[in-house]
Amino acid sequence: MARSQPARFLATAAAAFLAATAAPLIGTTAAHAQEGGACSSATVQYRLVDADGKVVGADWSSQGGFHQWDTVPGTVEVRLAPGQSVGEGCSYPVSLAEYTTEGPNWASSGRQEMIDKATVHLTAKDVAGKDDDGRTWQKLSVKAPACFGQIDLYGEDTAYDGKEGEGHGPLPDVRAGVLTPYHLIAAWNGGDKRCESGTPESATPSPSAPETSASPAPSAPPAGSEPSAPAEGTKPPVSPKPGATPSTNADVPPAQASPPAPKSSPSGGNPPLAETGAGAPVGMLAGGAALVLAVGAGTVYASRARRS
């Protein structure tokens, strides 16, 4: 009985060694996952200011919807709403885009054309606090439309200008049901005259060309034929078919960041637990515990051999 005590002691020591080394490793892995987690959505606040920086209309708001303007909005200030925890490295693109439209509201806007766009990126430094007196906020300004137009504030860096390729998206089009931009925060529209597509505002029409002839006459028309087909093809519908109004939401997603390259592992698959945590050598720790157990087993065997 006395000779088996060293073996029991070594076995107990091996178990304690393995538990003591595994516990901190597990805790370190969980903490790393929490610290390195993905950025979540954040709530944006905005307000309109004039050229002197004075607030126009309501102060900071996250209220969405479409707003009809009496005068074209000038500059839009943006920030992140107070009470949010924004992780270091998290960034939120917010864009302001100006379009010309076929009418003064969404239902009559038809197919829009982008004229200008500006983008800023909000970070933890842009979160509002309790004492914001004297703080400056990021500003967005675009060209003011001189005709029917719409201005969109949205939580992306994508340019919805109808072009192809990365960073571009489809133009808003009420007739086709294209409800862009996505992640729309708020929008303003209005105007009091139709936009002349492809014609500069300052251009003066030729006296010989009447204002109503927006398209060339059909080539070689038969005598006495009705010009109904050319007229239908050249003029937009008088009353564009209304479509669903795009939804708005002040909660915007973070910018897509490139994930860090995963560390290589001998198995070629996902990295083991040690590589995703503090990088502790689990294999070496387990090997140490196994060595202690092996020594204990050898001691037991030698003890039994002596007694026999």
C-alpha atoms as a PDB file:
ATOM      1  CA  MET A   1       0.000   0.000   0.000  1.00  0.00           C
ATOM      2  CA  ALA A   2       2.775   2.444   0.866  1.00  0.00           C
ATOM      3  CA  ARG A   3       4.652   1.740  -2.359  1.00  0.00           C
ATOM      4  CA  SER A   4       1.605   2.655  -4.525  1.00  0.00           C
ATOM      5  CA  GLN A   5       1.371   6.164  -3.060  1.00  0.00           C
ATOM      6  CA  PRO A   6       3.993   7.674  -5.435  1.00  0.00           C
ATOM      7  CA  ALA A   7       2.099   6.333  -8.422  1.00  0.00           C
ATOM      8  CA  ARG A   8      -1.174   7.797  -7.173  1.00  0.00           C
ATOM      9  CA  PHE A   9       0.585  11.094  -6.535  1.00  0.00           C
ATOM     10  CA  LEU A  10       1.979  11.188 -10.088  1.00  0.00           C
ATOM     11  CA  ALA A  11      -1.391  10.375 -11.639  1.00  0.00           C
ATOM     12  CA  THR A  12      -3.072  13.103  -9.598  1.00  0.00           C
ATOM     13  CA  ALA A  13      -0.324  15.548 -10.558  1.00  0.00           C
ATOM     14  CA  ALA A  14      -0.780  14.750 -14.251  1.00  0.00           C
ATOM     15  CA  ALA A  15      -4.530  15.400 -14.096  1.00  0.00           C
ATOM     16  CA  ALA A  16      -4.000  18.664 -12.238  1.00  0.00           C
ATOM     17  CA  PHE A  17      -1.328  19.726 -14.744  1.00  0.00           C
ATOM     18  CA  LEU A  18      -3.634  19.101 -17.695  1.00  0.00           C
ATOM     19  CA  ALA A  19      -6.589  20.948 -16.090  1.00  0.00           C
ATOM     20  CA  ALA A  20      -4.449  23.921 -15.075  1.00  0.00           C
ATOM     21  CA  THR A  21      -3.054  24.379 -18.577  1.00  0.00           C
ATOM     22  CA  ALA A  22      -6.358  23.859 -20.427  1.00  0.00           C
ATOM     23  CA  ALA A  23      -8.428  26.273 -18.310  1.00  0.00           C
ATOM     24  CA  PRO A  24      -6.555  29.478 -19.140  1.00  0.00           C
ATOM     25  CA  LEU A  25      -6.372  28.440 -22.792  1.00  0.00           C
ATOM     26  CA  ILE A  26     -10.152  28.147 -23.030  1.00  0.00           C
ATOM     27  CA  GLY A  27     -10.669  31.480 -21.296  1.00  0.00           C
ATOM     28  CA  THR A  28      -8.168  33.209 -23.561  1.00  0.00           C
ATOM     29  CA  THR A  29      -9.907  31.876 -26.689  1.00  0.00           C
ATOM     30  CA  ALA A  30     -13.311  33.192 -25.619  1.00  0.00           C
ATOM     31  CA  ALA A  31     -11.920  36.635 -24.814  1.00  0.00           C
ATOM     32  CA  HIS A  32     -10.168  36.848 -28.192  1.00  0.00           C
ATOM     33  CA  ALA A  33     -13.352  35.959 -30.043  1.00  0.00           C
ATOM     34  CA  GLN A  34     -15.216  38.715 -28.221  1.00  0.00           C
ATOM     35  CA  GLU A  35     -12.553  41.328 -28.870  1.00  0.00           C
ATOM     36  CA  GLY A  36     -12.141  40.438 -32.528  1.00  0.00           C
ATOM     37  CA  GLY A  37     -15.839  40.030 -33.312  1.00  0.00           C
ATOM     38  CA  ALA A  38     -17.443  41.548 -36.417  1.00  0.00           C
ATOM     39  CA  CYS A  39     -18.719  45.135 -36.316  1.00  0.00           C
ATOM     40  CA  SER A  40     -22.502  45.397 -35.936  1.00  0.00           C
ATOM     41  CA  SER A  41     -24.933  47.920 -37.399  1.00  0.00           C
ATOM     42  CA  ALA A  42     -25.064  51.461 -36.037  1.00  0.00           C
ATOM     43  CA  THR A  43     -27.719  54.188 -35.924  1.00  0.00           C
ATOM     44  CA  VAL A  44     -27.060  57.410 -37.853  1.00  0.00           C
ATOM     45  CA  GLN A  45     -28.368  60.852 -36.959  1.00  0.00           C
ATOM     46  CA  TYR A  46     -28.532  63.766 -39.413  1.00  0.00           C
ATOM     47  CA  ARG A  47     -29.544  67.415 -39.644  1.00  0.00           C
ATOM     48  CA  LEU A  48     -29.592  70.102 -42.333  1.00  0.00           C
ATOM     49  CA  VAL A  49     -27.410  73.191 -42.009  1.00  0.00           C
ATOM     50  CA  ASP A  50     -26.958  76.301 -44.144  1.00  0.00           C
ATOM     51  CA  ALA A  51     -23.762  77.805 -45.543  1.00  0.00           C
ATOM     52  CA  ASP A  52     -23.009  79.388 -42.158  1.00  0.00           C
ATOM     53  CA  GLY A  53     -23.476  76.117 -40.278  1.00  0.00           C
ATOM     54  CA  LYS A  54     -26.808  77.113 -38.713  1.00  0.00           C
ATOM     55  CA  VAL A  55     -29.386  74.380 -38.304  1.00  0.00           C
ATOM     56  CA  VAL A  56     -32.207  74.438 -40.851  1.00  0.00           C
ATOM     57  CA  GLY A  57     -35.457  72.933 -39.585  1.00  0.00           C
ATOM     58  CA  ALA A  58     -35.344  70.104 -37.068  1.00  0.00           C
ATOM     59  CA  ASP A  59     -32.222  69.304 -35.076  1.00  0.00           C
ATOM     60  CA  TRP A  60     -30.558  65.884 -34.905  1.00  0.00           C
ATOM     61  CA  SER A  61     -32.888  63.113 -35.997  1.00  0.00           C
ATOM     62  CA  SER A  62     -32.922  59.485 -37.079  1.00  0.00           C
ATOM     63  CA  GLN A  63     -36.373  59.882 -38.595  1.00  0.00           C
ATOM     64  CA  GLY A  64     -36.513  58.501 -42.102  1.00  0.00           C
ATOM     65  CA  GLY A  65     -39.070  58.928 -44.856  1.00  0.00           C
ATOM     66  CA  PHE A  66     -39.357  61.170 -47.918  1.00  0.00           C
ATOM     67  CA  HIS A  67     -39.455  64.930 -47.337  1.00  0.00           C
ATOM     68  CA  GLN A  68     -40.759  67.518 -49.799  1.00  0.00           C
ATOM     69  CA  TRP A  69     -38.468  70.532 -49.960  1.00  0.00           C
ATOM     70  CA  ASP A  70     -39.454  74.183 -50.169  1.00  0.00           C
ATOM     71  CA  THR A  71     -35.828  75.032 -50.844  1.00  0.00           C
ATOM     72  CA  VAL A  72     -33.203  72.519 -51.899  1.00  0.00           C
ATOM     73  CA  PRO A  73     -31.329  71.094 -48.875  1.00  0.00           C
ATOM     74  CA  GLY A  74     -27.803  72.492 -48.644  1.00  0.00           C
ATOM     75  CA  THR A  75     -25.396  70.624 -46.365  1.00  0.00           C
ATOM     76  CA  VAL A  76     -26.231  67.532 -44.321  1.00  0.00           C
ATOM     77  CA  GLU A  77     -24.327  66.867 -41.083  1.00  0.00           C
ATOM     78  CA  VAL A  78     -24.137  63.262 -39.906  1.00  0.00           C
ATOM     79  CA  ARG A  79     -23.010  61.483 -36.746  1.00  0.00           C
ATOM     80  CA  LEU A  80     -23.644  58.237 -34.842  1.00  0.00           C
ATOM     81  CA  ALA A  81     -26.451  58.362 -32.283  1.00  0.00           C
ATOM     82  CA  PRO A  82     -25.450  58.528 -28.590  1.00  0.00           C
ATOM     83  CA  GLY A  83     -25.380  55.489 -26.342  1.00  0.00           C
ATOM     84  CA  GLN A  84     -23.771  53.175 -28.891  1.00  0.00           C
ATOM     85  CA  SER A  85     -20.673  51.081 -28.377  1.00  0.00           C
ATOM     86  CA  VAL A  86     -18.628  51.192 -31.583  1.00  0.00           C
ATOM     87  CA  GLY A  87     -15.571  48.984 -31.703  1.00  0.00           C
ATOM     88  CA  GLU A  88     -12.155  50.221 -32.710  1.00  0.00           C
ATOM     89  CA  GLY A  89     -11.693  49.813 -36.459  1.00  0.00           C
ATOM     90  CA  CYS A  90     -15.441  49.801 -37.232  1.00  0.00           C
ATOM     91  CA  SER A  91     -16.363  52.208 -40.033  1.00  0.00           C
ATOM     92  CA  TYR A  92     -19.766  53.209 -41.410  1.00  0.00           C
ATOM     93  CA  PRO A  93     -19.959  54.810 -44.876  1.00  0.00           C
ATOM     94  CA  VAL A  94     -22.734  57.371 -45.316  1.00  0.00           C
ATOM     95  CA  SER A  95     -23.440  58.903 -48.735  1.00  0.00           C
ATOM     96  CA  LEU A  96     -25.494  61.779 -50.093  1.00  0.00           C
ATOM     97  CA  ALA A  97     -26.504  61.534 -53.765  1.00  0.00           C
ATOM     98  CA  GLU A  98     -28.373  63.992 -55.981  1.00  0.00           C
ATOM     99  CA  TYR A  99     -30.495  62.890 -58.937  1.00  0.00           C
ATOM    100  CA  THR A 100     -32.555  64.625 -61.576  1.00  0.00           C
ATOM    101  CA  THR A 101     -36.045  63.185 -61.930  1.00  0.00           C
ATOM    102  CA  GLU A 102     -39.094  63.392 -64.179  1.00  0.00           C
ATOM    103  CA  GLY A 103     -41.335  64.769 -61.443  1.00  0.00           C
ATOM    104  CA  PRO A 104     -41.293  66.438 -57.999  1.00  0.00           C
ATOM    105  CA  ASN A 105     -42.065  63.324 -55.930  1.00  0.00           C
ATOM    106  CA  TRP A 106     -41.256  59.628 -55.881  1.00  0.00           C
ATOM    107  CA  ALA A 107     -44.434  58.528 -57.687  1.00  0.00           C
ATOM    108  CA  SER A 108     -43.664  60.820 -60.635  1.00  0.00           C
ATOM    109  CA  SER A 109     -39.851  60.561 -60.517  1.00  0.00           C
ATOM    110  CA  GLY A 110     -39.585  58.026 -63.363  1.00  0.00           C
ATOM    111  CA  ARG A 111     -36.033  56.930 -64.146  1.00  0.00           C
ATOM    112  CA  GLN A 112     -33.573  59.098 -62.251  1.00  0.00           C
ATOM    113  CA  GLU A 113     -30.111  60.284 -63.313  1.00  0.00           C
ATOM    114  CA  MET A 114     -27.279  60.755 -60.826  1.00  0.00           C
ATOM    115  CA  ILE A 115     -25.668  64.208 -60.878  1.00  0.00           C
ATOM    116  CA  ASP A 116     -23.438  64.233 -57.795  1.00  0.00           C
ATOM    117  CA  LYS A 117     -22.419  62.115 -54.798  1.00  0.00           C
ATOM    118  CA  ALA A 118     -20.409  62.591 -51.596  1.00  0.00           C
ATOM    119  CA  THR A 119     -19.374  60.034 -48.962  1.00  0.00           C
ATOM    120  CA  VAL A 120     -17.955  60.158 -45.429  1.00  0.00           C
ATOM    121  CA  HIS A 121     -17.024  57.345 -43.036  1.00  0.00           C
ATOM    122  CA  LEU A 122     -18.255  57.472 -39.444  1.00  0.00           C
ATOM    123  CA  THR A 123     -16.223  55.805 -36.666  1.00  0.00           C
ATOM    124  CA  ALA A 124     -16.173  55.667 -32.873  1.00  0.00           C
ATOM    125  CA  LYS A 125     -14.986  59.314 -32.892  1.00  0.00           C
ATOM    126  CA  ASP A 126     -18.338  60.329 -34.420  1.00  0.00           C
ATOM    127  CA  VAL A 127     -20.539  58.914 -31.630  1.00  0.00           C
ATOM    128  CA  ALA A 128     -22.522  61.685 -29.917  1.00  0.00           C
ATOM    129  CA  GLY A 129     -22.075  62.145 -26.174  1.00  0.00           C
ATOM    130  CA  LYS A 130     -23.561  64.066 -23.261  1.00  0.00           C
ATOM    131  CA  ASP A 131     -21.468  67.182 -23.813  1.00  0.00           C
ATOM    132  CA  ASP A 132     -21.226  67.933 -27.523  1.00  0.00           C
ATOM    133  CA  ASP A 133     -20.958  71.712 -27.335  1.00  0.00           C
ATOM    134  CA  GLY A 134     -18.250  72.890 -29.671  1.00  0.00           C
ATOM    135  CA  ARG A 135     -17.817  69.546 -31.399  1.00  0.00           C
ATOM    136  CA  THR A 136     -17.685  69.445 -35.175  1.00  0.00           C
ATOM    137  CA  TRP A 137     -19.400  66.784 -37.240  1.00  0.00           C
ATOM    138  CA  GLN A 138     -18.788  65.397 -40.692  1.00  0.00           C
ATOM    139  CA  LYS A 139     -20.659  67.133 -43.508  1.00  0.00           C
ATOM    140  CA  LEU A 140     -22.036  66.055 -46.876  1.00  0.00           C
ATOM    141  CA  SER A 141     -22.808  68.436 -49.749  1.00  0.00           C
ATOM    142  CA  VAL A 142     -23.877  67.821 -53.355  1.00  0.00           C
ATOM    143  CA  LYS A 143     -24.811  70.008 -56.309  1.00  0.00           C
ATOM    144  CA  ALA A 144     -28.272  71.528 -56.035  1.00  0.00           C
ATOM    145  CA  PRO A 145     -30.642  70.410 -58.822  1.00  0.00           C
ATOM    146  CA  ALA A 146     -32.029  73.204 -61.024  1.00  0.00           C
ATOM    147  CA  CYS A 147     -35.085  71.172 -61.982  1.00  0.00           C
ATOM    148  CA  PHE A 148     -37.084  68.226 -60.626  1.00  0.00           C
ATOM    149  CA  GLY A 149     -34.764  66.259 -58.384  1.00  0.00           C
ATOM    150  CA  GLN A 150     -34.241  63.934 -55.453  1.00  0.00           C
ATOM    151  CA  ILE A 151     -31.510  63.822 -52.808  1.00  0.00           C
ATOM    152  CA  ASP A 152     -30.839  60.530 -50.985  1.00  0.00           C
ATOM    153  CA  LEU A 153     -28.989  59.953 -47.714  1.00  0.00           C
ATOM    154  CA  TYR A 154     -27.990  56.315 -47.372  1.00  0.00           C
ATOM    155  CA  GLY A 155     -25.601  54.052 -45.467  1.00  0.00           C
ATOM    156  CA  GLU A 156     -23.291  52.812 -48.226  1.00  0.00           C
ATOM    157  CA  ASP A 157     -20.433  53.941 -50.443  1.00  0.00           C
ATOM    158  CA  THR A 158     -22.018  52.483 -53.600  1.00  0.00           C
ATOM    159  CA  ALA A 159     -22.781  54.921 -56.420  1.00  0.00           C
ATOM    160  CA  TYR A 160     -26.224  54.042 -57.811  1.00  0.00           C
ATOM    161  CA  ASP A 161     -25.471  55.606 -61.179  1.00  0.00           C
ATOM    162  CA  GLY A 162     -26.405  52.774 -63.528  1.00  0.00           C
ATOM    163  CA  LYS A 163     -22.797  51.904 -64.350  1.00  0.00           C
ATOM    164  CA  GLU A 164     -21.280  48.429 -64.296  1.00  0.00           C
ATOM    165  CA  GLY A 165     -18.565  47.154 -62.000  1.00  0.00           C
ATOM    166  CA  GLU A 166     -17.687  47.144 -58.335  1.00  0.00           C
ATOM    167  CA  GLY A 167     -18.883  50.185 -56.423  1.00  0.00           C
ATOM    168  CA  HIS A 168     -21.779  50.896 -58.804  1.00  0.00           C
ATOM    169  CA  GLY A 169     -25.454  49.985 -58.772  1.00  0.00           C
ATOM    170  CA  PRO A 170     -28.699  50.436 -60.728  1.00  0.00           C
ATOM    171  CA  LEU A 171     -30.362  53.840 -61.052  1.00  0.00           C
ATOM    172  CA  PRO A 172     -33.623  54.396 -59.146  1.00  0.00           C
ATOM    173  CA  ASP A 173     -36.563  53.784 -61.456  1.00  0.00           C
ATOM    174  CA  VAL A 174     -40.124  53.941 -60.148  1.00  0.00           C
ATOM    175  CA  ARG A 175     -41.640  52.435 -63.313  1.00  0.00           C
ATOM    176  CA  ALA A 176     -39.321  49.435 -63.277  1.00  0.00           C
ATOM    177  CA  GLY A 177     -39.648  49.015 -59.490  1.00  0.00           C
ATOM    178  CA  VAL A 178     -35.914  49.609 -58.853  1.00  0.00           C
ATOM    179  CA  LEU A 179     -35.850  50.891 -55.266  1.00  0.00           C
ATOM    180  CA  THR A 180     -32.275  52.096 -54.983  1.00  0.00           C
ATOM    181  CA  PRO A 181     -30.226  53.166 -53.150  1.00  0.00           C
ATOM    182  CA  TYR A 182     -30.276  50.404 -50.569  1.00  0.00           C
ATOM    183  CA  HIS A 183     -29.935  51.185 -46.829  1.00  0.00           C
ATOM    184  CA  LEU A 184     -31.756  54.468 -47.450  1.00  0.00           C
ATOM    185  CA  ILE A 185     -31.835  56.698 -44.340  1.00  0.00           C
ATOM    186  CA  ALA A 186     -33.899  59.638 -45.651  1.00  0.00           C
ATOM    187  CA  ALA A 187     -34.721  61.386 -48.931  1.00  0.00           C
ATOM    188  CA  TRP A 188     -35.804  64.816 -50.139  1.00  0.00           C
ATOM    189  CA  ASN A 189     -37.466  65.669 -53.449  1.00  0.00           C
ATOM    190  CA  GLY A 190     -39.093  68.589 -55.212  1.00  0.00           C
ATOM    191  CA  GLY A 191     -38.544  71.131 -57.946  1.00  0.00           C
ATOM    192  CA  ASP A 192     -40.807  73.252 -60.143  1.00  0.00           C
ATOM    193  CA  LYS A 193     -39.731  72.512 -63.711  1.00  0.00           C
ATOM    194  CA  ARG A 194     -38.929  69.600 -65.963  1.00  0.00           C
ATOM    195  CA  CYS A 195     -35.290  68.659 -66.545  1.00  0.00           C
ATOM    196  CA  GLU A 196     -34.140  68.825 -70.157  1.00  0.00           C
ATOM    197  CA  SER A 197     -32.268  65.584 -70.684  1.00  0.00           C
ATOM    198  CA  GLY A 198     -28.890  66.116 -72.292  1.00  0.00           C
ATOM    199  CA  THR A 199     -29.449  69.869 -72.741  1.00  0.00           C
ATOM    200  CA  PRO A 200     -27.505  72.374 -70.622  1.00  0.00           C
ATOM    201  CA  GLU A 201     -29.695  74.704 -68.578  1.00  0.00           C
ATOM    202  CA  SER A 202     -28.020  77.740 -70.157  1.00  0.00           C
ATOM    203  CA  ALA A 203     -28.544  76.589 -73.746  1.00  0.00           C
ATOM    204  CA  THR A 204     -30.991  78.655 -75.819  1.00  0.00           C
ATOM    205  CA  PRO A 205     -33.076  76.682 -78.311  1.00  0.00           C
ATOM    206  CA  SER A 206     -32.814  77.629 -81.946  1.00  0.00           C
ATOM    207  CA  PRO A 207     -35.677  79.967 -83.125  1.00  0.00           C
ATOM    208  CA  SER A 208     -36.413  77.615 -85.976  1.00  0.00           C
ATOM    209  CA  ALA A 209     -36.860  74.654 -83.686  1.00  0.00           C
ATOM    210  CA  PRO A 210     -40.097  74.750 -81.686  1.00  0.00           C
ATOM    211  CA  GLU A 211     -39.803  73.724 -78.008  1.00  0.00           C
ATOM    212  CA  THR A 212     -42.350  70.944 -78.396  1.00  0.00           C
ATOM    213  CA  SER A 213     -40.346  69.031 -81.019  1.00  0.00           C
ATOM    214  CA  ALA A 214     -38.151  66.970 -78.695  1.00  0.00           C
ATOM    215  CA  SER A 215     -37.296  64.368 -81.390  1.00  0.00           C
ATOM    216  CA  PRO A 216     -36.547  64.373 -85.125  1.00  0.00           C
ATOM    217  CA  ALA A 217     -39.356  63.704 -87.553  1.00  0.00           C
ATOM    218  CA  PRO A 218     -39.668  60.107 -88.768  1.00  0.00           C
ATOM    219  CA  SER A 219     -37.753  59.394 -91.938  1.00  0.00           C
ATOM    220  CA  ALA A 220     -39.784  59.343 -95.146  1.00  0.00           C
ATOM    221  CA  PRO A 221     -43.276  59.149 -93.625  1.00  0.00           C
ATOM    222  CA  PRO A 222     -46.074  58.160 -96.032  1.00  0.00           C
ATOM    223  CA  ALA A 223     -48.356  60.986 -97.032  1.00  0.00           C
ATOM    224  CA  GLY A 224     -51.368  61.330 -94.779  1.00  0.00           C
ATOM    225  CA  SER A 225     -50.044  58.866 -92.193  1.00  0.00           C
ATOM    226  CA  GLU A 226     -50.637  59.553 -88.537  1.00  0.00           C
ATOM    227  CA  PRO A 227     -47.530  60.375 -86.445  1.00  0.00           C
ATOM    228  CA  SER A 228     -48.916  58.528 -83.436  1.00  0.00           C
ATOM    229  CA  ALA A 229     -46.113  55.950 -83.190  1.00  0.00           C
ATOM    230  CA  PRO A 230     -43.240  58.484 -83.133  1.00  0.00           C
ATOM    231  CA  ALA A 231     -45.095  60.623 -80.594  1.00  0.00           C
ATOM    232  CA  GLU A 232     -45.583  57.663 -78.252  1.00  0.00           C
ATOM    233  CA  GLY A 233     -41.942  56.696 -78.510  1.00  0.00           C
ATOM    234  CA  THR A 234     -40.512  60.134 -77.845  1.00  0.00           C
ATOM    235  CA  LYS A 235     -42.602  61.479 -74.953  1.00  0.00           C
ATOM    236  CA  PRO A 236     -42.613  60.052 -71.407  1.00  0.00           C
ATOM    237  CA  PRO A 237     -45.962  58.960 -69.976  1.00  0.00           C
ATOM    238  CA  VAL A 238     -48.003  61.874 -68.685  1.00  0.00           C
ATOM    239  CA  SER A 239     -48.729  60.063 -65.439  1.00  0.00           C
ATOM    240  CA  PRO A 240     -45.960  57.568 -64.566  1.00  0.00           C
ATOM    241  CA  LYS A 241     -47.253  54.436 -62.921  1.00  0.00           C
ATOM    242  CA  PRO A 242     -46.656  54.904 -59.174  1.00  0.00           C
ATOM    243  CA  GLY A 243     -44.572  52.291 -57.426  1.00  0.00           C
ATOM    244  CA  ALA A 244     -43.892  51.326 -53.839  1.00  0.00           C
ATOM    245  CA  THR A 245     -42.040  54.008 -51.924  1.00  0.00           C
ATOM    246  CA  PRO A 246     -38.588  52.795 -50.824  1.00  0.00           C
ATOM    247  CA  SER A 247     -38.333  52.002 -47.129  1.00  0.00           C
ATOM    248  CA  THR A 248     -35.993  53.997 -44.890  1.00  0.00           C
ATOM    249  CA  ASN A 249     -33.995  52.980 -41.834  1.00  0.00           C
ATOM    250  CA  ALA A 250     -31.338  54.879 -39.864  1.00  0.00           C
ATOM    251  CA  ASP A 251     -29.578  51.632 -38.857  1.00  0.00           C
ATOM    252  CA  VAL A 252     -26.759  51.114 -41.344  1.00  0.00           C
ATOM    253  CA  PRO A 253     -24.266  48.276 -41.839  1.00  0.00           C
ATOM    254  CA  PRO A 254     -20.508  48.633 -41.330  1.00  0.00           C
ATOM    255  CA  ALA A 255     -18.044  48.837 -44.170  1.00  0.00           C
ATOM    256  CA  GLN A 256     -16.910  45.470 -45.448  1.00  0.00           C
ATOM    257  CA  ALA A 257     -13.363  44.922 -44.206  1.00  0.00           C
ATOM    258  CA  SER A 258     -11.045  42.253 -45.570  1.00  0.00           C
ATOM    259  CA  PRO A 259     -10.780  39.467 -42.985  1.00  0.00           C
ATOM    260  CA  PRO A 260      -7.276  38.614 -41.775  1.00  0.00           C
ATOM    261  CA  ALA A 261      -5.630  35.688 -43.558  1.00  0.00           C
ATOM    262  CA  PRO A 262      -6.092  32.472 -41.532  1.00  0.00           C
ATOM    263  CA  LYS A 263      -2.982  30.871 -40.081  1.00  0.00           C
ATOM    264  CA  SER A 264      -1.879  27.667 -41.740  1.00  0.00           C
ATOM    265  CA  SER A 265      -2.440  24.424 -39.883  1.00  0.00           C
ATOM    266  CA  PRO A 266      -0.788  21.017 -40.416  1.00  0.00           C
ATOM    267  CA  SER A 267      -4.127  19.401 -41.259  1.00  0.00           C
ATOM    268  CA  GLY A 268      -4.841  21.916 -44.025  1.00  0.00           C
ATOM    269  CA  GLY A 269      -8.291  22.659 -42.600  1.00  0.00           C
ATOM    270  CA  ASN A 270      -9.481  25.095 -39.979  1.00  0.00           C
ATOM    271  CA  PRO A 271      -6.819  26.223 -37.506  1.00  0.00           C
ATOM    272  CA  PRO A 272      -6.859  24.382 -34.165  1.00  0.00           C
ATOM    273  CA  LEU A 273      -8.184  25.977 -31.006  1.00  0.00           C
ATOM    274  CA  ALA A 274      -4.760  27.218 -29.952  1.00  0.00           C
ATOM    275  CA  GLU A 275      -4.303  29.161 -33.218  1.00  0.00           C
ATOM    276  CA  THR A 276      -7.634  30.935 -32.889  1.00  0.00           C
ATOM    277  CA  GLY A 277      -6.926  31.911 -29.291  1.00  0.00           C
ATOM    278  CA  ALA A 278      -3.734  32.961 -27.567  1.00  0.00           C
ATOM    279  CA  GLY A 279      -1.532  30.717 -29.682  1.00  0.00           C
ATOM    280  CA  ALA A 280      -0.674  28.413 -26.762  1.00  0.00           C
ATOM    281  CA  PRO A 281       1.023  25.083 -27.775  1.00  0.00           C
ATOM    282  CA  VAL A 282      -1.713  22.623 -26.902  1.00  0.00           C
ATOM    283  CA  GLY A 283       0.254  19.697 -28.333  1.00  0.00           C
ATOM    284  CA  MET A 284       3.232  20.397 -26.079  1.00  0.00           C
ATOM    285  CA  LEU A 285       0.998  20.767 -23.023  1.00  0.00           C
ATOM    286  CA  ALA A 286      -0.824  17.538 -23.739  1.00  0.00           C
ATOM    287  CA  GLY A 287       2.512  15.816 -24.352  1.00  0.00           C
ATOM    288  CA  GLY A 288       3.767  16.975 -20.968  1.00  0.00           C
ATOM    289  CA  ALA A 289       0.704  15.587 -19.260  1.00  0.00           C
ATOM    290  CA  ALA A 290       1.088  12.289 -21.123  1.00  0.00           C
ATOM    291  CA  LEU A 291       4.719  12.055 -20.015  1.00  0.00           C
ATOM    292  CA  VAL A 292       3.736  12.488 -16.389  1.00  0.00           C
ATOM    293  CA  LEU A 293       1.098   9.774 -16.761  1.00  0.00           C
ATOM    294  CA  ALA A 294       3.617   7.459 -18.418  1.00  0.00           C
ATOM    295  CA  VAL A 295       6.072   7.926 -15.559  1.00  0.00           C
ATOM    296  CA  GLY A 296       3.275   7.189 -13.105  1.00  0.00           C
ATOM    297  CA  ALA A 297       2.347   4.017 -14.976  1.00  0.00           C
ATOM    298  CA  GLY A 298       5.980   2.888 -14.973  1.00  0.00           C
ATOM    299  CA  THR A 299       6.218   3.438 -11.255  1.00  0.00           C
ATOM    300  CA  VAL A 300       3.097   1.356 -10.640  1.00  0.00           C
ATOM    301  CA  TYR A 301       4.468  -1.437 -12.797  1.00  0.00           C
ATOM    302  CA  ALA A 302       7.830  -1.409 -10.986  1.00  0.00           C
ATOM    303  CA  SER A 303       6.096  -1.427  -7.608  1.00  0.00           C
ATOM    304  CA  ARG A 304       3.986  -4.447  -8.517  1.00  0.00           C
ATOM    305  CA  ALA A 305       7.072  -6.230  -9.872  1.00  0.00           C
ATOM    306  CA  ARG A 306       8.918  -5.793  -6.567  1.00  0.00           C
ATOM    307  CA  ARG A 307       5.973  -7.161  -4.593  1.00  0.00           C
ATOM    308  CA  SER A 308       5.724 -10.201  -6.813  1.00  0.00           C
END
